[in-house]
Amino acid sequence: MSEERVIALEIALKAVLNTAREQGIDVEQLSEAAIDGLVKYHDYRSVHVANAANQIELAVDALEYPWPAVG
């Protein structure tokens, strides 16, 4: 995967999580549910699940409070 795509996906994940938080969704619970879903879905290889779970946790930890103003 290209570095540009990785960066774009990181930005996209943070934007989705920030928007969820702005809409009143508990992003901690959302991320835990997403990780649980990854673990339960057996079609993923375990190494990818662990890496994906880690990336979700890192994205939640990296959220900016409050959402930065654009401009």
C-alpha atoms as a PDB file:
ATOM      1  CA  MET A   1       0.000   0.000   0.000  1.00  0.00           C
ATOM      2  CA  SER A   2       1.350   3.393  -0.903  1.00  0.00           C
ATOM      3  CA  GLU A   3       2.318   5.851   1.802  1.00  0.00           C
ATOM      4  CA  GLU A   4      -0.256   8.315   0.446  1.00  0.00           C
ATOM      5  CA  ARG A   5      -3.021   5.740   0.847  1.00  0.00           C
ATOM      6  CA  VAL A   6      -1.922   4.916   4.399  1.00  0.00           C
ATOM      7  CA  ILE A   7      -1.978   8.598   5.344  1.00  0.00           C
ATOM      8  CA  ALA A   8      -5.377   9.073   3.716  1.00  0.00           C
ATOM      9  CA  LEU A   9      -6.810   6.088   5.606  1.00  0.00           C
ATOM     10  CA  GLU A  10      -5.434   7.379   8.914  1.00  0.00           C
ATOM     11  CA  ILE A  11      -7.001  10.793   8.298  1.00  0.00           C
ATOM     12  CA  ALA A  12     -10.290   9.185   7.260  1.00  0.00           C
ATOM     13  CA  LEU A  13     -10.463   7.025  10.386  1.00  0.00           C
ATOM     14  CA  LYS A  14      -9.800  10.004  12.650  1.00  0.00           C
ATOM     15  CA  ALA A  15     -12.448  12.056  10.813  1.00  0.00           C
ATOM     16  CA  VAL A  16     -15.045   9.300  11.196  1.00  0.00           C
ATOM     17  CA  LEU A  17     -14.261   8.919  14.894  1.00  0.00           C
ATOM     18  CA  ASN A  18     -14.349  12.684  15.510  1.00  0.00           C
ATOM     19  CA  THR A  19     -17.676  12.970  13.696  1.00  0.00           C
ATOM     20  CA  ALA A  20     -19.091  10.062  15.695  1.00  0.00           C
ATOM     21  CA  ARG A  21     -18.000  11.791  18.899  1.00  0.00           C
ATOM     22  CA  GLU A  22     -19.585  15.076  17.765  1.00  0.00           C
ATOM     23  CA  GLN A  23     -22.848  13.209  17.196  1.00  0.00           C
ATOM     24  CA  GLY A  24     -22.822  11.982  20.774  1.00  0.00           C
ATOM     25  CA  ILE A  25     -21.443   8.512  20.176  1.00  0.00           C
ATOM     26  CA  ASP A  26     -19.014   7.223  22.778  1.00  0.00           C
ATOM     27  CA  VAL A  27     -15.960   6.547  20.592  1.00  0.00           C
ATOM     28  CA  GLU A  28     -14.364   4.393  23.282  1.00  0.00           C
ATOM     29  CA  GLN A  29     -17.371   2.044  23.206  1.00  0.00           C
ATOM     30  CA  LEU A  30     -17.515   2.260  19.414  1.00  0.00           C
ATOM     31  CA  SER A  31     -13.855   1.303  19.059  1.00  0.00           C
ATOM     32  CA  GLU A  32     -14.223  -1.582  21.522  1.00  0.00           C
ATOM     33  CA  ALA A  33     -17.253  -2.863  19.589  1.00  0.00           C
ATOM     34  CA  ALA A  34     -15.326  -2.586  16.309  1.00  0.00           C
ATOM     35  CA  ILE A  35     -12.408  -4.535  17.772  1.00  0.00           C
ATOM     36  CA  ASP A  36     -14.768  -7.181  19.159  1.00  0.00           C
ATOM     37  CA  GLY A  37     -16.297  -7.475  15.693  1.00  0.00           C
ATOM     38  CA  LEU A  38     -12.874  -7.971  14.136  1.00  0.00           C
ATOM     39  CA  VAL A  39     -12.034 -10.707  16.614  1.00  0.00           C
ATOM     40  CA  LYS A  40     -15.340 -12.518  16.022  1.00  0.00           C
ATOM     41  CA  TYR A  41     -15.065 -12.395  12.213  1.00  0.00           C
ATOM     42  CA  HIS A  42     -12.944 -15.445  11.488  1.00  0.00           C
ATOM     43  CA  ASP A  43     -12.204 -14.670   7.837  1.00  0.00           C
ATOM     44  CA  TYR A  44      -9.467 -12.224   8.820  1.00  0.00           C
ATOM     45  CA  ARG A  45      -5.967 -13.506   9.507  1.00  0.00           C
ATOM     46  CA  SER A  46      -5.079 -13.055  13.155  1.00  0.00           C
ATOM     47  CA  VAL A  47      -2.027 -10.880  12.470  1.00  0.00           C
ATOM     48  CA  HIS A  48      -4.190  -8.450  10.525  1.00  0.00           C
ATOM     49  CA  VAL A  49      -6.823  -8.385  13.261  1.00  0.00           C
ATOM     50  CA  ALA A  50      -4.232  -7.524  15.893  1.00  0.00           C
ATOM     51  CA  ASN A  51      -2.772  -4.776  13.709  1.00  0.00           C
ATOM     52  CA  ALA A  52      -6.219  -3.384  12.852  1.00  0.00           C
ATOM     53  CA  ALA A  53      -7.251  -3.370  16.518  1.00  0.00           C
ATOM     54  CA  ASN A  54      -4.056  -1.540  17.402  1.00  0.00           C
ATOM     55  CA  GLN A  55      -4.682   1.062  14.692  1.00  0.00           C
ATOM     56  CA  ILE A  56      -8.224   1.652  15.968  1.00  0.00           C
ATOM     57  CA  GLU A  57      -6.899   2.198  19.491  1.00  0.00           C
ATOM     58  CA  LEU A  58      -4.177   4.540  18.238  1.00  0.00           C
ATOM     59  CA  ALA A  59      -6.709   6.541  16.220  1.00  0.00           C
ATOM     60  CA  VAL A  60      -8.984   6.966  19.232  1.00  0.00           C
ATOM     61  CA  ASP A  61      -6.019   8.023  21.367  1.00  0.00           C
ATOM     62  CA  ALA A  62      -4.972  10.547  18.690  1.00  0.00           C
ATOM     63  CA  LEU A  63      -8.334  12.319  18.509  1.00  0.00           C
ATOM     64  CA  GLU A  64      -8.092  16.030  19.052  1.00  0.00           C
ATOM     65  CA  TYR A  65     -10.269  17.567  21.732  1.00  0.00           C
ATOM     66  CA  PRO A  66     -12.019  19.662  20.600  1.00  0.00           C
ATOM     67  CA  TRP A  67     -12.159  19.067  16.836  1.00  0.00           C
ATOM     68  CA  PRO A  68      -9.792  21.619  15.274  1.00  0.00           C
ATOM     69  CA  ALA A  69     -11.283  24.540  13.371  1.00  0.00           C
ATOM     70  CA  VAL A  70     -10.758  24.514   9.627  1.00  0.00           C
ATOM     71  CA  GLY A  71      -9.508  27.644   7.990  1.00  0.00           C
END
